[in-house]
């Protein structure tokens, strides 16, 4: 059976509404439960819990190191991420992981998991399909599209 690693970094997808706005609240295990993957083993790692507006180059290095360290154990890696800086993170990882030999898929959501109208489950499922596709490299799975590096 194929194996996927789901790395959580925060963002709207893993947030809950509070009196002060959205705050990171869900774990990678919570996100895994929403994926509905039955044809692969999905393991999780809570790496960061940030609003993606606060993601900076040291975080990109941390994510890239984590992916590089884990890559031989998994057939694909999914990174849940906030939408504000997802494209910047994907670009940074594209260069940091230039010769990666498996799929590294970033995904997120416009509305938090479990809220009315959330796109989180659909994006997580799309990310899982991309992670199991065997197409190597960094990509974004979002809004019904898979965007390669």
Protein backbone atom coordinates (compact mmCIF):
# COMPACT_ATOMS: atom_id res chain seq x y z
CA UNK A 1 0.00 0.00 0.00
CA UNK A 2 1.28 3.46 -0.87
CA UNK A 3 2.11 5.94 1.89
CA UNK A 4 1.44 9.67 2.08
CA UNK A 5 2.75 12.14 4.64
CA UNK A 6 0.43 15.05 5.46
CA UNK A 7 2.42 17.96 6.93
CA UNK A 8 0.29 20.66 8.58
CA UNK A 9 1.59 24.23 8.64
CA UNK A 10 -1.57 26.14 9.62
CA UNK A 11 -3.68 28.43 7.46
CA UNK A 12 -7.42 28.82 6.99
CA UNK A 13 -7.84 25.11 6.23
CA UNK A 14 -6.85 24.29 9.84
CA UNK A 15 -8.49 27.27 11.55
CA UNK A 16 -11.60 27.95 13.59
CA UNK A 17 -13.56 31.16 13.92
CA UNK A 18 -13.03 32.95 17.24
CA UNK A 19 -14.15 36.31 18.58
CA UNK A 20 -10.82 37.64 17.28
CA UNK A 21 -11.16 36.14 13.78
CA UNK A 22 -9.68 32.92 12.44
CA UNK A 23 -7.09 31.14 14.57
CA UNK A 24 -5.17 27.91 13.83
CA UNK A 25 -6.94 25.12 15.71
CA UNK A 26 -6.93 21.83 13.78
CA UNK A 27 -4.19 19.23 13.67
CA UNK A 28 -2.89 17.20 10.76
CA UNK A 29 -4.92 14.27 12.15
CA UNK A 30 -8.09 16.38 11.85
CA UNK A 31 -7.25 17.11 8.22
CA UNK A 32 -6.45 13.46 7.51
CA UNK A 33 -9.90 12.45 8.73
CA UNK A 34 -11.46 14.74 6.12
CA UNK A 35 -9.41 13.34 3.22
CA UNK A 36 -11.30 10.09 2.90
CA UNK A 37 -8.28 8.24 1.49
CA UNK A 38 -8.81 4.49 1.47
CA UNK A 39 -6.18 3.33 -1.02
CA UNK A 40 -3.12 4.61 0.85
CA UNK A 41 -1.78 4.91 4.37
CA UNK A 42 -1.73 8.56 5.46
CA UNK A 43 0.62 9.58 8.25
CA UNK A 44 0.62 13.06 9.75
CA UNK A 45 3.03 15.63 11.10
CA UNK A 46 2.17 18.94 12.76
CA UNK A 47 5.15 21.05 11.71
CA UNK A 48 3.86 24.62 12.06
CA UNK A 49 0.64 26.33 13.14
CA UNK A 50 0.78 29.72 11.47
CA UNK A 51 -1.33 32.21 9.61
CA UNK A 52 0.45 32.05 6.28
CA UNK A 53 0.95 35.82 6.22
CA UNK A 54 3.59 35.08 8.87
CA UNK A 55 5.45 32.46 6.80
CA UNK A 56 9.03 33.57 6.13
CA UNK A 57 12.17 32.10 4.49
CA UNK A 58 13.25 30.27 7.68
CA UNK A 59 9.88 28.44 7.62
CA UNK A 60 10.44 27.50 3.96
CA UNK A 61 13.80 26.03 4.96
CA UNK A 62 12.14 24.11 7.80
CA UNK A 63 9.48 22.71 5.46
CA UNK A 64 12.07 21.80 2.80
CA UNK A 65 14.28 20.03 5.37
CA UNK A 66 11.28 18.08 6.64
CA UNK A 67 10.32 16.99 3.12
CA UNK A 68 13.92 16.06 2.25
CA UNK A 69 14.31 14.07 5.48
CA UNK A 70 11.02 12.18 4.99
CA UNK A 71 10.94 11.67 1.24
CA UNK A 72 12.33 8.13 1.12
CA UNK A 73 9.62 6.86 3.47
CA UNK A 74 6.62 8.17 1.51
CA UNK A 75 5.28 7.93 -2.03
CA UNK A 76 3.93 11.46 -1.84
CA UNK A 77 3.89 14.40 0.55
CA UNK A 78 1.03 16.86 1.12
CA UNK A 79 1.59 20.20 2.83
CA UNK A 80 -1.50 21.98 4.15
CA UNK A 81 -0.89 25.71 3.98
CA UNK A 82 -2.58 29.09 4.12
CA UNK A 83 -3.66 30.64 0.85
CA UNK A 84 -2.07 34.07 1.34
CA UNK A 85 1.47 32.83 0.71
CA UNK A 86 0.97 29.34 -0.72
CA UNK A 87 2.31 30.33 -4.14
CA UNK A 88 5.44 31.85 -2.57
CA UNK A 89 6.04 28.72 -0.51
CA UNK A 90 5.53 26.53 -3.58
CA UNK A 91 8.04 28.62 -5.53
CA UNK A 92 10.61 28.44 -2.73
CA UNK A 93 10.16 24.68 -2.35
CA UNK A 94 10.40 24.22 -6.12
CA UNK A 95 13.97 25.56 -6.00
CA UNK A 96 14.92 24.04 -2.64
CA UNK A 97 13.68 20.59 -3.70
CA UNK A 98 14.72 20.87 -7.34
CA UNK A 99 15.55 17.18 -7.77
CA UNK A 100 12.77 15.69 -5.63
CA UNK A 101 11.72 12.33 -7.03
CA UNK A 102 8.13 12.22 -5.79
CA UNK A 103 5.07 14.49 -5.57
CA UNK A 104 5.12 17.35 -3.05
CA UNK A 105 1.64 18.87 -3.05
CA UNK A 106 0.56 22.07 -1.32
CA UNK A 107 -3.12 22.65 -0.61
CA UNK A 108 -5.33 24.82 1.53
CA UNK A 109 -8.82 26.29 1.66
CA UNK A 110 -10.71 29.53 1.30
CA UNK A 111 -12.95 28.55 4.22
CA UNK A 112 -12.03 26.44 7.27
CA UNK A 113 -12.65 22.71 7.32
CA UNK A 114 -16.11 21.94 8.67
CA UNK A 115 -17.70 25.30 7.89
CA UNK A 116 -20.53 25.84 5.41
CA UNK A 117 -19.23 26.16 1.88
CA UNK A 118 -15.72 25.02 2.76
CA UNK A 119 -13.53 23.81 -0.07
CA UNK A 120 -11.17 22.05 2.36
CA UNK A 121 -12.34 18.47 1.83
CA UNK A 122 -12.35 18.75 -1.97
CA UNK A 123 -8.87 20.30 -1.96
CA UNK A 124 -7.52 17.64 0.42
CA UNK A 125 -8.91 14.86 -1.77
CA UNK A 126 -7.43 16.48 -4.87
CA UNK A 127 -4.09 16.78 -3.09
CA UNK A 128 -4.22 13.09 -2.17
CA UNK A 129 -4.82 12.14 -5.81
CA UNK A 130 -1.89 14.31 -6.86
CA UNK A 131 0.33 12.83 -4.13
CA UNK A 132 -0.46 9.32 -5.36
CA UNK A 133 -0.02 10.21 -9.05
CA UNK A 134 3.69 9.46 -9.22
CA UNK A 135 4.36 12.81 -10.94
CA UNK A 136 7.47 14.13 -9.22
CA UNK A 137 7.92 17.74 -8.21
CA UNK A 138 6.31 20.55 -6.29
CA UNK A 139 2.71 21.40 -7.17
CA UNK A 140 -0.42 23.05 -5.81
CA UNK A 141 -3.78 21.23 -5.69
CA UNK A 142 -6.56 23.76 -5.28
CA UNK A 143 -9.96 24.60 -6.69
CA UNK A 144 -10.17 21.51 -8.87
CA UNK A 145 -6.79 22.16 -10.51
CA UNK A 146 -3.31 20.75 -10.09
CA UNK A 147 -0.70 23.39 -10.87
CA UNK A 148 2.80 22.03 -11.43
CA UNK A 149 5.90 23.98 -10.32
